[in-house]
Amino acid sequence: TEYVLSAMDIGSDSYAMMILSKEDFEKARELAKVFLHRIAVIEEM
């Protein structure tokens, strides 16, 4: 299993950093759109 270091922008001055499997990262990315948040690999933040 490959993992992704990711961060979620929740509209504040800080980010929630997470280590997710690639599969979970894709699910989280889709769910974040529902809540108008952004999740991306750490290099894109």
C-alpha atoms as a PDB file:
ATOM      1  CA  THR A   1       0.000   0.000   0.000  1.00  0.00           C
ATOM      2  CA  GLU A   2       1.272   3.437  -0.913  1.00  0.00           C
ATOM      3  CA  TYR A   3       0.680   6.378   1.385  1.00  0.00           C
ATOM      4  CA  VAL A   4       0.220  10.092   0.803  1.00  0.00           C
ATOM      5  CA  LEU A   5       1.213  12.913   3.144  1.00  0.00           C
ATOM      6  CA  SER A   6      -1.683  15.307   2.775  1.00  0.00           C
ATOM      7  CA  ALA A   7      -3.113  18.424   4.342  1.00  0.00           C
ATOM      8  CA  MET A   8      -6.644  19.764   4.574  1.00  0.00           C
ATOM      9  CA  ASP A   9      -7.406  23.475   4.423  1.00  0.00           C
ATOM     10  CA  ILE A  10     -10.461  24.108   6.580  1.00  0.00           C
ATOM     11  CA  GLY A  11     -10.548  27.857   6.117  1.00  0.00           C
ATOM     12  CA  SER A  12      -8.454  28.808   9.128  1.00  0.00           C
ATOM     13  CA  ASP A  13      -4.828  29.778   9.615  1.00  0.00           C
ATOM     14  CA  SER A  14      -3.783  26.165  10.049  1.00  0.00           C
ATOM     15  CA  TYR A  15      -3.908  22.873   8.170  1.00  0.00           C
ATOM     16  CA  ALA A  16      -4.811  19.388   9.326  1.00  0.00           C
ATOM     17  CA  MET A  17      -1.973  17.102   8.189  1.00  0.00           C
ATOM     18  CA  MET A  18      -2.716  13.428   7.557  1.00  0.00           C
ATOM     19  CA  ILE A  19      -1.021  10.296   6.292  1.00  0.00           C
ATOM     20  CA  LEU A  20      -3.550   8.414   4.167  1.00  0.00           C
ATOM     21  CA  SER A  21      -3.458   5.461   1.827  1.00  0.00           C
ATOM     22  CA  LYS A  22      -3.891   6.516  -1.800  1.00  0.00           C
ATOM     23  CA  GLU A  23      -7.375   4.976  -1.773  1.00  0.00           C
ATOM     24  CA  ASP A  24      -8.412   6.850   1.376  1.00  0.00           C
ATOM     25  CA  PHE A  25      -6.886  10.069   0.008  1.00  0.00           C
ATOM     26  CA  GLU A  26      -9.094   9.898  -3.093  1.00  0.00           C
ATOM     27  CA  LYS A  27     -12.179   9.292  -0.926  1.00  0.00           C
ATOM     28  CA  ALA A  28     -11.233  12.176   1.374  1.00  0.00           C
ATOM     29  CA  ARG A  29     -10.688  14.491  -1.604  1.00  0.00           C
ATOM     30  CA  GLU A  30     -14.220  13.806  -2.876  1.00  0.00           C
ATOM     31  CA  LEU A  31     -15.764  14.209   0.583  1.00  0.00           C
ATOM     32  CA  ALA A  32     -13.880  17.474   1.180  1.00  0.00           C
ATOM     33  CA  LYS A  33     -15.565  18.959  -1.905  1.00  0.00           C
ATOM     34  CA  VAL A  34     -18.966  18.310  -0.306  1.00  0.00           C
ATOM     35  CA  PHE A  35     -17.960  20.435   2.701  1.00  0.00           C
ATOM     36  CA  LEU A  36     -16.237  23.084   0.530  1.00  0.00           C
ATOM     37  CA  HIS A  37     -12.817  22.264   1.969  1.00  0.00           C
ATOM     38  CA  ARG A  38      -9.608  21.471   0.141  1.00  0.00           C
ATOM     39  CA  ILE A  39      -7.402  18.445   0.634  1.00  0.00           C
ATOM     40  CA  ALA A  40      -4.220  17.977  -1.359  1.00  0.00           C
ATOM     41  CA  VAL A  41      -0.830  16.324  -1.222  1.00  0.00           C
ATOM     42  CA  ILE A  42       1.466  18.401   0.939  1.00  0.00           C
ATOM     43  CA  GLU A  43       3.521  19.631  -2.047  1.00  0.00           C
ATOM     44  CA  GLU A  44       0.431  21.367  -3.478  1.00  0.00           C
ATOM     45  CA  MET A  45      -0.433  23.336  -0.330  1.00  0.00           C
END
